[in-house]
């Protein structure tokens, strides 16, 4: 008995140590992820500053003005002509699925099987499917209302982030969407993973097949500006080189047409991010969601003026209000023969209460006969804040509501705000996604807020489980957890922790390397004698001050600092020992550090400048890219250094730079996945 107790105690301590390492690894991944999101929002705010403050003839303003789509003024007929799929021929040798409309269950299952076998849907069918989806989505209300009385239970899924394997596993375990198996997918279908477009096409196909039983909410990654940074834009252009630009533009319209929330039985609210102390579901139900092509910035310039003019010229025909979209200036008349969607809601097709007369609708918008334009502008800003809050916010343990400085967008809200908003709307539970959880789900705020995340192995193999929810008429959530990767299921707990730990430490070393200059300056502040030595305590203080990731540096010290001299760190040797693979390119070292540190921002600017989505930019555009980046960073990068860099990476000397080759040439090489395979094959 005594031996058994000793073994039990040892085992518990062993598992506890592994769990501590696992949580520490998790904290590293999450801190780096949120830091990247914050940088992205800062970059986008910088673009907004350029638009607001630079002269009208400024080349920098002209360079980035198209990201706000001020020139994309299309009538519906022009959009249909632009996205016309009929003149795209499908060759006889095409091996993939052939879609017919209206879709049948056979069409959709063939599509799923094709994606399972790594086949690609032809661009003709992609455009046709997306066009049909847009025609349906633009008629739906902002808040979908669903009743469990028609179903045994409803399945709710969180973020998928391009992990098609997770979606297929959910369908395998739970069944395809159908009249008997309804689904709510809570946003963030795209980015980060490698099969985002496949996920969208599968979900849209099921939406068209079962419009009464499939509900899609918008996430913060259903935003074309976010897609520029996190991979979806690149994925589409690589898979559809000829028609990728058309597909992306149509997806912008689709993303802005996605409903913002779903309410089940008037008791359970489902939205992507969260709420704030100013969240008003009544206002959210009435706003024009179509205008927010990107939720990162309120409407500006001519787009805002066009919307106000459309609102003032409220054109009612046959008892129907025309829908307004940011992407084109003229109102759109909804098709009257479109199939009805099963949203048992008090709201009409454009998101307006159906009992309101046109004059009442205008009063709600502050657009009565005596209204001044600034009142409409103020309302647009309030609407934008509502959108940002529900797409970007996160819960916190403390009471109150504060800006979400970790992500850079939305807010942190506390239990008191949850109680206030849910009680105000007579709701029992808020289900949200937006945050990766180690077990796939997590309760907070006295079990009134539930986070669900459906992308397993999100950060790396073995980093987390995915989960989905079954919700019945009792409104008690039941969880189903899973892990899609077979490699993960074969790993022991120790192997899984070691694998994710190696990957997290590699990402952390990258962060340390990219901040080398700032760290050196900070180290020298603690080394007045210039001896090249610093105490481990001061090392931890300096690293946190520079990186601001909120990590337990003293715990991580043994893995990041392999050796010391009597408790003192030789920081020059330490930097040389960081396992970072240098690129094979002769450029200025300070420019190299800037590139490493801001490669995501640089790639985002590249893709914005590459207006034709060709993947190539000229030397002049490359020069403008670096000028924009240096303006954003408030640093001075000489024209000579930029020219030398451009010439060194023009590998075929054709006077243009391939964006993908450039970013791959300078991207830090990461060996974690190879190491994970080695770990899984190694003995304990």
Foldseek 3Di string as FASTA:
>chain_A
DVVVVVVVVVVVVVVVVLVVLLVQLVLLLVLVVLQVLQVLLLLVVLLVCCCVDPDPPDPSVVLQVCVLQPVLADDPVRLCVLLPLVPPDDDPPQPAQDADPPGDPVSLVSLLVCVVVVHDDDVSVLSVLLVVLLLVLQQAFQEFEAEQVQEQWEKEAEAAAQVVLLVVVCCVVQNDWDSHYAYEYAENQHFQHQHSSSSVSSLSSVCSVAVQRYAYAYALCLAVLNCLQRPPLVNLCVVCVPCSVSSSVSSLQSNLSHHAWYHYPLAEIEGAAAAALPADVLLSLLDQSQACSHLSDFRDDPLLVLVLVCLLVFDDDPLDTFHDHSSHRDTHDRDPPDDDGNRPDCAGRRSHRSVDDSQRSCVVQQNHPPRDPVSNVVSSVVNSLNRQQRRHEHEDADAHWAPPSSNNTHIYHHLVSLCVVCVVSVYQAYEYENDDDQAQKDADSVRRYIYGHRHACSPHQLSHWHWMWIAHPVRDTDIDIDHSDPLNVLDDSVLSSVLSSQQSVLVVLLVCLLCVVQLVVQQCVQVVVPPQKHAPVSSVVSVCVRSVSPRPCVVCCVVLQVDDDVRIGNVVVSSVPRPWDAFPFDADPVVLSVCSNCVSVLSSSVCSSPVVSNQKDALVSQLVSVVSVCVSVVHDDDPVRSVSVVVRQPVVPPRMHRSVSVSVRSHIDDCSVVVSVVSSPDDD
